[in-house]
Amino acid sequence: MNELIEDKQQKEIDKVIHDWKAEGIKVEKARWGRSIITKGKIKIELSKDIDAEKLTLTQVQELIEKKAPKKNNRKKAPAKKTAAKKSNS
């Protein structure tokens, strides 16, 4: 049983290609020769033709900026309240 746990832990370690802890960014091996960039809730799947081991932090940050949703500084209008109709029963 301990051997299985140790094997699983080693596989998790081996799949990490880059780990920039200060920025919270990881590049990991994925299935079928692909790689995945993760930062928080953002996940970017890279194609097979991109060599993830050669990616630099700057390149990864540029990819994340392209993928990240744009922040909107406008406030949403408050929802309109509808008056409850009284029935004459």
Protein backbone atom coordinates (compact mmCIF):
# COMPACT_ATOMS: atom_id res chain seq x y z
CA MET A 1 0.00 0.00 0.00
CA ASN A 2 2.82 2.42 0.88
CA GLU A 3 4.45 1.63 -2.44
CA LEU A 4 1.31 2.68 -4.33
CA ILE A 5 1.15 5.96 -2.43
CA GLU A 6 4.82 6.66 -3.08
CA ASP A 7 4.38 5.88 -6.79
CA LYS A 8 1.44 8.30 -7.01
CA GLN A 9 3.41 11.04 -5.24
CA GLN A 10 6.36 10.52 -7.57
CA LYS A 11 4.10 10.76 -10.64
CA GLU A 12 2.73 14.07 -9.36
CA ILE A 13 6.28 15.38 -8.92
CA ASP A 14 7.38 14.15 -12.35
CA LYS A 15 4.54 15.84 -14.23
CA VAL A 16 5.59 19.35 -13.14
CA ILE A 17 7.71 21.03 -15.81
CA HIS A 18 7.92 24.55 -14.36
CA ASP A 19 6.72 25.84 -10.99
CA TRP A 20 7.00 29.58 -10.44
CA LYS A 21 5.68 29.66 -6.88
CA ALA A 22 6.08 33.42 -6.38
CA GLU A 23 3.73 34.06 -9.34
CA GLY A 24 1.47 31.08 -8.63
CA ILE A 25 2.05 29.63 -12.10
CA LYS A 26 2.66 25.97 -13.00
CA VAL A 27 3.34 24.22 -16.27
CA GLU A 28 2.55 20.52 -16.14
CA LYS A 29 2.55 17.55 -18.46
CA ALA A 30 -0.91 16.43 -19.51
CA ARG A 31 -2.23 13.49 -21.46
CA TRP A 32 -1.25 12.64 -25.02
CA GLY A 33 1.90 14.78 -25.12
CA ARG A 34 0.20 18.04 -24.27
CA SER A 35 0.96 20.48 -21.47
CA ILE A 36 -1.19 22.69 -19.26
CA ILE A 37 -0.47 26.12 -17.80
CA THR A 38 -2.36 26.87 -14.57
CA LYS A 39 -2.67 30.04 -12.55
CA GLY A 40 -5.49 30.06 -10.04
CA LYS A 41 -8.68 29.22 -11.93
CA ILE A 42 -7.11 29.89 -15.33
CA LYS A 43 -6.07 26.77 -17.24
CA ILE A 44 -4.52 26.90 -20.69
CA GLU A 45 -3.98 23.71 -22.65
CA LEU A 46 -1.00 23.87 -24.98
CA SER A 47 -0.80 21.95 -28.23
CA LYS A 48 1.71 19.18 -28.87
CA ASP A 49 3.89 21.35 -31.10
CA ILE A 50 4.80 23.73 -28.23
CA ASP A 51 7.83 22.60 -26.23
CA ALA A 52 6.73 23.42 -22.67
CA GLU A 53 10.21 22.83 -21.26
CA LYS A 54 11.58 25.75 -23.28
CA LEU A 55 8.87 28.22 -22.19
CA THR A 56 10.05 31.17 -20.13
CA LEU A 57 8.11 32.91 -17.39
CA THR A 58 7.58 35.94 -19.65
CA GLN A 59 6.12 33.79 -22.44
CA VAL A 60 3.79 32.01 -20.01
CA GLN A 61 2.61 35.31 -18.52
CA GLU A 62 1.81 36.60 -22.03
CA LEU A 63 -0.26 33.50 -22.75
CA ILE A 64 -2.14 33.96 -19.46
CA GLU A 65 -2.85 37.64 -20.22
CA LYS A 66 -4.37 36.66 -23.57
CA LYS A 67 -6.56 34.01 -21.91
CA ALA A 68 -7.56 35.90 -18.75
CA PRO A 69 -11.00 37.52 -18.83
CA LYS A 70 -10.93 41.28 -19.16
CA LYS A 71 -11.92 43.15 -16.02
CA ASN A 72 -14.77 45.59 -16.47
CA ASN A 73 -14.63 48.68 -14.25
CA ARG A 74 -18.25 49.64 -14.91
CA LYS A 75 -20.70 48.95 -12.14
CA LYS A 76 -23.81 47.00 -12.93
CA ALA A 77 -27.11 48.83 -12.70
CA PRO A 78 -29.18 47.74 -9.73
CA ALA A 79 -31.94 45.29 -10.52
CA LYS A 80 -35.37 46.84 -10.95
CA LYS A 81 -37.86 45.91 -8.30
CA THR A 82 -41.35 45.10 -9.38
CA ALA A 83 -44.22 46.00 -7.13
CA ALA A 84 -46.28 43.11 -5.89
CA LYS A 85 -49.82 43.20 -7.21
CA LYS A 86 -52.63 42.96 -4.71
CA SER A 87 -55.52 40.79 -5.67
CA ASN A 88 -59.09 41.87 -4.89
CA SER A 89 -60.48 38.65 -3.50
